[in-house]
């Protein structure tokens, strides 16, 4: 079984969705991307987050959007 890419725990950042094993909110990545920043810029600012986590998060979000549109 694959380790979850996102974690929600009331004891970590008040239950905010974060990248598993970090205290970096997923919303921070979305804010970076919305502002036109690259994944590399995000990763430079948050070295505790692995590129693989970001890619898996984006792939899972895409899959959910496609499934919802079907």
PDB file of N, CA and C in Angstrom:
ATOM      1  N   UNK A   1       0.837  -1.184   0.000  1.00  0.00           N
ATOM      2  CA  UNK A   1       0.000   0.000   0.000  1.00  0.00           C
ATOM      3  C   UNK A   1       0.881   1.245   0.000  1.00  0.00           C
ATOM      4  N   UNK A   2       0.552   2.187  -0.859  1.00  0.00           N
ATOM      5  CA  UNK A   2       1.316   3.417  -0.948  1.00  0.00           C
ATOM      6  C   UNK A   2       1.022   4.322   0.238  1.00  0.00           C
ATOM      7  N   UNK A   3       2.050   5.006   0.690  1.00  0.00           N
ATOM      8  CA  UNK A   3       1.907   5.961   1.777  1.00  0.00           C
ATOM      9  C   UNK A   3       1.105   7.170   1.268  1.00  0.00           C
ATOM     10  N   UNK A   4       0.166   7.668   2.074  1.00  0.00           N
ATOM     11  CA  UNK A   4      -0.613   8.837   1.636  1.00  0.00           C
ATOM     12  C   UNK A   4       0.289  10.040   1.384  1.00  0.00           C
ATOM     13  N   UNK A   5      -0.074  10.834   0.417  1.00  0.00           N
ATOM     14  CA  UNK A   5       0.712  12.022   0.089  1.00  0.00           C
ATOM     15  C   UNK A   5       0.277  13.213   0.951  1.00  0.00           C
ATOM     16  N   UNK A   6      -0.963  13.177   1.420  1.00  0.00           N
ATOM     17  CA  UNK A   6      -1.531  14.254   2.222  1.00  0.00           C
ATOM     18  C   UNK A   6      -1.906  13.716   3.592  1.00  0.00           C
ATOM     19  N   UNK A   7      -1.740  14.552   4.599  1.00  0.00           N
ATOM     20  CA  UNK A   7      -2.111  14.179   5.959  1.00  0.00           C
ATOM     21  C   UNK A   7      -2.983  15.280   6.554  1.00  0.00           C
ATOM     22  N   UNK A   8      -4.004  14.867   7.289  1.00  0.00           N
ATOM     23  CA  UNK A   8      -4.855  15.796   8.034  1.00  0.00           C
ATOM     24  C   UNK A   8      -4.926  15.282   9.465  1.00  0.00           C
ATOM     25  N   UNK A   9      -4.302  15.991  10.372  1.00  0.00           N
ATOM     26  CA  UNK A   9      -4.243  15.591  11.775  1.00  0.00           C
ATOM     27  C   UNK A   9      -4.523  16.821  12.624  1.00  0.00           C
ATOM     28  N   UNK A  10      -5.511  16.753  13.514  1.00  0.00           N
ATOM     29  CA  UNK A  10      -5.831  17.921  14.339  1.00  0.00           C
ATOM     30  C   UNK A  10      -4.646  18.445  15.149  1.00  0.00           C
ATOM     31  N   UNK A  11      -3.646  17.601  15.380  1.00  0.00           N
ATOM     32  CA  UNK A  11      -2.483  18.026  16.162  1.00  0.00           C
ATOM     33  C   UNK A  11      -1.376  18.631  15.295  1.00  0.00           C
ATOM     34  N   UNK A  12      -1.560  18.621  13.980  1.00  0.00           N
ATOM     35  CA  UNK A  12      -0.583  19.215  13.062  1.00  0.00           C
ATOM     36  C   UNK A  12      -1.281  20.310  12.282  1.00  0.00           C
ATOM     37  N   UNK A  13      -0.860  21.523  12.523  1.00  0.00           N
ATOM     38  CA  UNK A  13      -1.418  22.698  11.826  1.00  0.00           C
ATOM     39  C   UNK A  13      -2.949  22.765  11.978  1.00  0.00           C
ATOM     40  N   UNK A  14      -3.455  22.318  13.121  1.00  0.00           N
ATOM     41  CA  UNK A  14      -4.888  22.405  13.388  1.00  0.00           C
ATOM     42  C   UNK A  14      -5.760  21.589  12.449  1.00  0.00           C
ATOM     43  N   UNK A  15      -5.190  20.555  11.838  1.00  0.00           N
ATOM     44  CA  UNK A  15      -5.967  19.697  10.947  1.00  0.00           C
ATOM     45  C   UNK A  15      -5.941  20.122   9.490  1.00  0.00           C
ATOM     46  N   UNK A  16      -5.202  21.165   9.188  1.00  0.00           N
ATOM     47  CA  UNK A  16      -5.050  21.609   7.797  1.00  0.00           C
ATOM     48  C   UNK A  16      -4.403  20.496   6.978  1.00  0.00           C
ATOM     49  N   UNK A  17      -4.822  20.325   5.745  1.00  0.00           N
ATOM     50  CA  UNK A  17      -4.208  19.333   4.856  1.00  0.00           C
ATOM     51  C   UNK A  17      -2.771  19.753   4.568  1.00  0.00           C
ATOM     52  N   UNK A  18      -1.836  18.867   4.943  1.00  0.00           N
ATOM     53  CA  UNK A  18      -0.410  19.126   4.728  1.00  0.00           C
ATOM     54  C   UNK A  18       0.198  17.967   3.955  1.00  0.00           C
ATOM     55  N   UNK A  19       1.359  18.211   3.365  1.00  0.00           N
ATOM     56  CA  UNK A  19       2.103  17.123   2.753  1.00  0.00           C
ATOM     57  C   UNK A  19       2.557  16.199   3.870  1.00  0.00           C
ATOM     58  N   UNK A  20       2.290  14.901   3.723  1.00  0.00           N
ATOM     59  CA  UNK A  20       2.595  13.922   4.762  1.00  0.00           C
ATOM     60  C   UNK A  20       4.045  14.035   5.213  1.00  0.00           C
ATOM     61  N   UNK A  21       4.233  14.001   6.535  1.00  0.00           N
ATOM     62  CA  UNK A  21       5.572  14.082   7.107  1.00  0.00           C
ATOM     63  C   UNK A  21       6.107  15.494   7.223  1.00  0.00           C
ATOM     64  N   UNK A  22       5.290  16.486   6.873  1.00  0.00           N
ATOM     65  CA  UNK A  22       5.722  17.887   6.954  1.00  0.00           C
ATOM     66  C   UNK A  22       4.643  18.705   7.655  1.00  0.00           C
ATOM     67  N   UNK A  23       4.919  19.977   7.801  1.00  0.00           N
ATOM     68  CA  UNK A  23       3.925  20.924   8.295  1.00  0.00           C
ATOM     69  C   UNK A  23       3.598  21.939   7.182  1.00  0.00           C
ATOM     70  N   UNK A  24       3.844  21.551   5.942  1.00  0.00           N
ATOM     71  CA  UNK A  24       3.627  22.436   4.788  1.00  0.00           C
ATOM     72  C   UNK A  24       2.223  22.199   4.240  1.00  0.00           C
ATOM     73  N   UNK A  25       1.348  23.211   4.351  1.00  0.00           N
ATOM     74  CA  UNK A  25      -0.013  23.052   3.831  1.00  0.00           C
ATOM     75  C   UNK A  25      -0.037  22.879   2.315  1.00  0.00           C
ATOM     76  N   UNK A  26      -0.915  22.015   1.863  1.00  0.00           N
ATOM     77  CA  UNK A  26      -1.119  21.806   0.430  1.00  0.00           C
ATOM     78  C   UNK A  26      -1.545  23.124  -0.223  1.00  0.00           C
ATOM     79  N   UNK A  27      -2.314  23.909   0.506  1.00  0.00           N
ATOM     80  CA  UNK A  27      -2.783  25.199  -0.018  1.00  0.00           C
ATOM     81  C   UNK A  27      -1.614  26.096  -0.422  1.00  0.00           C
ATOM     82  N   UNK A  28      -0.478  25.955   0.251  1.00  0.00           N
ATOM     83  CA  UNK A  28       0.700  26.755  -0.090  1.00  0.00           C
ATOM     84  C   UNK A  28       1.164  26.435  -1.507  1.00  0.00           C
ATOM     85  N   UNK A  29       1.183  25.161  -1.874  1.00  0.00           N
ATOM     86  CA  UNK A  29       1.537  24.785  -3.252  1.00  0.00           C
ATOM     87  C   UNK A  29       0.555  25.413  -4.227  1.00  0.00           C
ATOM     88  N   UNK A  30      -0.725  25.290  -3.922  1.00  0.00           N
ATOM     89  CA  UNK A  30      -1.744  25.851  -4.824  1.00  0.00           C
ATOM     90  C   UNK A  30      -1.590  27.363  -4.954  1.00  0.00           C
ATOM     91  N   UNK A  31      -1.261  28.037  -3.863  1.00  0.00           N
ATOM     92  CA  UNK A  31      -1.043  29.487  -3.913  1.00  0.00           C
ATOM     93  C   UNK A  31       0.154  29.824  -4.803  1.00  0.00           C
ATOM     94  N   UNK A  32       1.228  29.054  -4.688  1.00  0.00           N
ATOM     95  CA  UNK A  32       2.410  29.271  -5.535  1.00  0.00           C
ATOM     96  C   UNK A  32       2.032  29.124  -7.011  1.00  0.00           C
ATOM     97  N   UNK A  33       1.349  28.023  -7.327  1.00  0.00           N
ATOM     98  CA  UNK A  33       0.990  27.764  -8.723  1.00  0.00           C
ATOM     99  C   UNK A  33       0.039  28.831  -9.250  1.00  0.00           C
ATOM    100  N   UNK A  34      -0.912  29.240  -8.434  1.00  0.00           N
ATOM    101  CA  UNK A  34      -1.857  30.281  -8.847  1.00  0.00           C
ATOM    102  C   UNK A  34      -1.147  31.601  -9.134  1.00  0.00           C
ATOM    103  N   UNK A  35      -0.083  31.864  -8.383  1.00  0.00           N
ATOM    104  CA  UNK A  35       0.681  33.102  -8.576  1.00  0.00           C
ATOM    105  C   UNK A  35       1.618  33.031  -9.782  1.00  0.00           C
ATOM    106  N   UNK A  36       1.682  31.850 -10.434  1.00  0.00           N
ATOM    107  CA  UNK A  36       2.542  31.704 -11.606  1.00  0.00           C
ATOM    108  C   UNK A  36       3.921  31.174 -11.280  1.00  0.00           C
ATOM    109  N   UNK A  37       4.151  30.792 -10.031  1.00  0.00           N
ATOM    110  CA  UNK A  37       5.440  30.228  -9.654  1.00  0.00           C
ATOM    111  C   UNK A  37       5.521  28.774 -10.114  1.00  0.00           C
ATOM    112  N   UNK A  38       6.723  28.280 -10.239  1.00  0.00           N
ATOM    113  CA  UNK A  38       6.925  26.899 -10.696  1.00  0.00           C
ATOM    114  C   UNK A  38       6.987  25.950  -9.504  1.00  0.00           C
ATOM    115  N   UNK A  39       6.891  24.674  -9.811  1.00  0.00           N
ATOM    116  CA  UNK A  39       7.069  23.650  -8.780  1.00  0.00           C
ATOM    117  C   UNK A  39       8.470  23.770  -8.189  1.00  0.00           C
ATOM    118  N   UNK A  40       9.462  24.042  -9.016  1.00  0.00           N
ATOM    119  CA  UNK A  40      10.833  24.190  -8.521  1.00  0.00           C
ATOM    120  C   UNK A  40      10.946  25.336  -7.522  1.00  0.00           C
ATOM    121  N   UNK A  41      10.246  26.438  -7.787  1.00  0.00           N
ATOM    122  CA  UNK A  41      10.278  27.565  -6.846  1.00  0.00           C
ATOM    123  C   UNK A  41       9.634  27.171  -5.516  1.00  0.00           C
ATOM    124  N   UNK A  42       8.525  26.441  -5.588  1.00  0.00           N
ATOM    125  CA  UNK A  42       7.879  25.965  -4.374  1.00  0.00           C
ATOM    126  C   UNK A  42       8.827  25.060  -3.600  1.00  0.00           C
ATOM    127  N   UNK A  43       9.438  24.095  -4.277  1.00  0.00           N
ATOM    128  CA  UNK A  43      10.331  23.150  -3.618  1.00  0.00           C
ATOM    129  C   UNK A  43      11.550  23.847  -3.012  1.00  0.00           C
ATOM    130  N   UNK A  44      12.040  24.897  -3.646  1.00  0.00           N
ATOM    131  CA  UNK A  44      13.174  25.643  -3.098  1.00  0.00           C
ATOM    132  C   UNK A  44      12.795  26.296  -1.767  1.00  0.00           C
ATOM    133  N   UNK A  45      11.546  26.730  -1.662  1.00  0.00           N
ATOM    134  CA  UNK A  45      11.087  27.369  -0.430  1.00  0.00           C
ATOM    135  C   UNK A  45      10.692  26.382   0.655  1.00  0.00           C
ATOM    136  N   UNK A  46      10.420  25.145   0.266  1.00  0.00           N
ATOM    137  CA  UNK A  46       9.955  24.127   1.212  1.00  0.00           C
ATOM    138  C   UNK A  46      10.703  22.816   0.957  1.00  0.00           C
ATOM    139  N   UNK A  47      11.982  22.771   1.314  1.00  0.00           N
ATOM    140  CA  UNK A  47      12.805  21.601   1.004  1.00  0.00           C
ATOM    141  C   UNK A  47      12.365  20.318   1.705  1.00  0.00           C
ATOM    142  N   UNK A  48      11.489  20.405   2.691  1.00  0.00           N
ATOM    143  CA  UNK A  48      10.983  19.206   3.359  1.00  0.00           C
ATOM    144  C   UNK A  48       9.978  18.441   2.524  1.00  0.00           C
ATOM    145  N   UNK A  49       9.468  19.073   1.470  1.00  0.00           N
ATOM    146  CA  UNK A  49       8.504  18.436   0.575  1.00  0.00           C
ATOM    147  C   UNK A  49       9.268  17.862  -0.613  1.00  0.00           C
ATOM    148  N   UNK A  50       9.009  16.614  -0.924  1.00  0.00           N
ATOM    149  CA  UNK A  50       9.678  15.954  -2.048  1.00  0.00           C
ATOM    150  C   UNK A  50       8.925  16.223  -3.354  1.00  0.00           C
ATOM    151  N   UNK A  51       9.670  16.322  -4.432  1.00  0.00           N
ATOM    152  CA  UNK A  51       9.061  16.502  -5.753  1.00  0.00           C
ATOM    153  C   UNK A  51       8.014  15.416  -6.015  1.00  0.00           C
ATOM    154  N   UNK A  52       8.321  14.187  -5.606  1.00  0.00           N
ATOM    155  CA  UNK A  52       7.391  13.077  -5.821  1.00  0.00           C
ATOM    156  C   UNK A  52       6.056  13.331  -5.114  1.00  0.00           C
ATOM    157  N   UNK A  53       6.092  13.951  -3.938  1.00  0.00           N
ATOM    158  CA  UNK A  53       4.853  14.270  -3.229  1.00  0.00           C
ATOM    159  C   UNK A  53       4.020  15.262  -4.026  1.00  0.00           C
ATOM    160  N   UNK A  54       4.664  16.276  -4.561  1.00  0.00           N
ATOM    161  CA  UNK A  54       3.953  17.294  -5.343  1.00  0.00           C
ATOM    162  C   UNK A  54       3.334  16.662  -6.586  1.00  0.00           C
ATOM    163  N   UNK A  55       4.109  15.857  -7.292  1.00  0.00           N
ATOM    164  CA  UNK A  55       3.613  15.225  -8.512  1.00  0.00           C
ATOM    165  C   UNK A  55       2.444  14.299  -8.201  1.00  0.00           C
ATOM    166  N   UNK A  56       2.584  13.481  -7.155  1.00  0.00           N
ATOM    167  CA  UNK A  56       1.488  12.576  -6.779  1.00  0.00           C
ATOM    168  C   UNK A  56       0.242  13.355  -6.386  1.00  0.00           C
ATOM    169  N   UNK A  57       0.411  14.443  -5.646  1.00  0.00           N
ATOM    170  CA  UNK A  57      -0.742  15.263  -5.272  1.00  0.00           C
ATOM    171  C   UNK A  57      -1.450  15.788  -6.513  1.00  0.00           C
ATOM    172  N   UNK A  58      -0.696  16.332  -7.450  1.00  0.00           N
ATOM    173  CA  UNK A  58      -1.290  16.890  -8.665  1.00  0.00           C
ATOM    174  C   UNK A  58      -1.953  15.803  -9.512  1.00  0.00           C
ATOM    175  N   UNK A  59      -1.331  14.635  -9.594  1.00  0.00           N
ATOM    176  CA  UNK A  59      -1.934  13.527 -10.350  1.00  0.00           C
ATOM    177  C   UNK A  59      -3.238  13.066  -9.706  1.00  0.00           C
ATOM    178  N   UNK A  60      -3.242  12.952  -8.382  1.00  0.00           N
ATOM    179  CA  UNK A  60      -4.453  12.531  -7.683  1.00  0.00           C
ATOM    180  C   UNK A  60      -5.567  13.571  -7.836  1.00  0.00           C
ATOM    181  N   UNK A  61      -5.204  14.848  -7.775  1.00  0.00           N
ATOM    182  CA  UNK A  61      -6.198  15.910  -7.953  1.00  0.00           C
ATOM    183  C   UNK A  61      -6.772  15.859  -9.371  1.00  0.00           C
ATOM    184  N   UNK A  62      -5.908  15.639 -10.359  1.00  0.00           N
ATOM    185  CA  UNK A  62      -6.362  15.525 -11.754  1.00  0.00           C
ATOM    186  C   UNK A  62      -7.328  14.349 -11.921  1.00  0.00           C
ATOM    187  N   UNK A  63      -6.949  13.199 -11.345  1.00  0.00           N
ATOM    188  CA  UNK A  63      -7.790  12.009 -11.444  1.00  0.00           C
ATOM    189  C   UNK A  63      -9.172  12.257 -10.829  1.00  0.00           C
ATOM    190  N   UNK A  64      -9.197  12.948  -9.713  1.00  0.00           N
ATOM    191  CA  UNK A  64     -10.486  13.238  -9.068  1.00  0.00           C
ATOM    192  C   UNK A  64     -11.336  14.194  -9.898  1.00  0.00           C
ATOM    193  N   UNK A  65     -10.699  15.146 -10.536  1.00  0.00           N
ATOM    194  CA  UNK A  65     -11.428  16.095 -11.390  1.00  0.00           C
ATOM    195  C   UNK A  65     -12.000  15.368 -12.601  1.00  0.00           C
ATOM    196  N   UNK A  66     -11.217  14.481 -13.195  1.00  0.00           N
ATOM    197  CA  UNK A  66     -11.687  13.721 -14.367  1.00  0.00           C
ATOM    198  C   UNK A  66     -12.843  12.818 -13.960  1.00  0.00           C
ATOM    199  N   UNK A  67     -12.727  12.164 -12.823  1.00  0.00           N
ATOM    200  CA  UNK A  67     -13.783  11.266 -12.348  1.00  0.00           C
ATOM    201  C   UNK A  67     -15.062  12.043 -12.040  1.00  0.00           C
ATOM    202  N   UNK A  68     -14.927  13.219 -11.471  1.00  0.00           N
ATOM    203  CA  UNK A  68     -16.100  14.033 -11.134  1.00  0.00           C
ATOM    204  C   UNK A  68     -16.799  14.540 -12.391  1.00  0.00           C
ATOM    205  N   UNK A  69     -16.026  14.767 -13.452  1.00  0.00           N
ATOM    206  CA  UNK A  69     -16.605  15.280 -14.699  1.00  0.00           C
ATOM    207  C   UNK A  69     -17.292  14.176 -15.504  1.00  0.00           C
ATOM    208  N   UNK A  70     -17.011  12.936 -15.167  1.00  0.00           N
ATOM    209  CA  UNK A  70     -17.574  11.804 -15.937  1.00  0.00           C
ATOM    210  C   UNK A  70     -18.996  11.520 -15.543  1.00  0.00           C
TER     211      UNK A  70
END
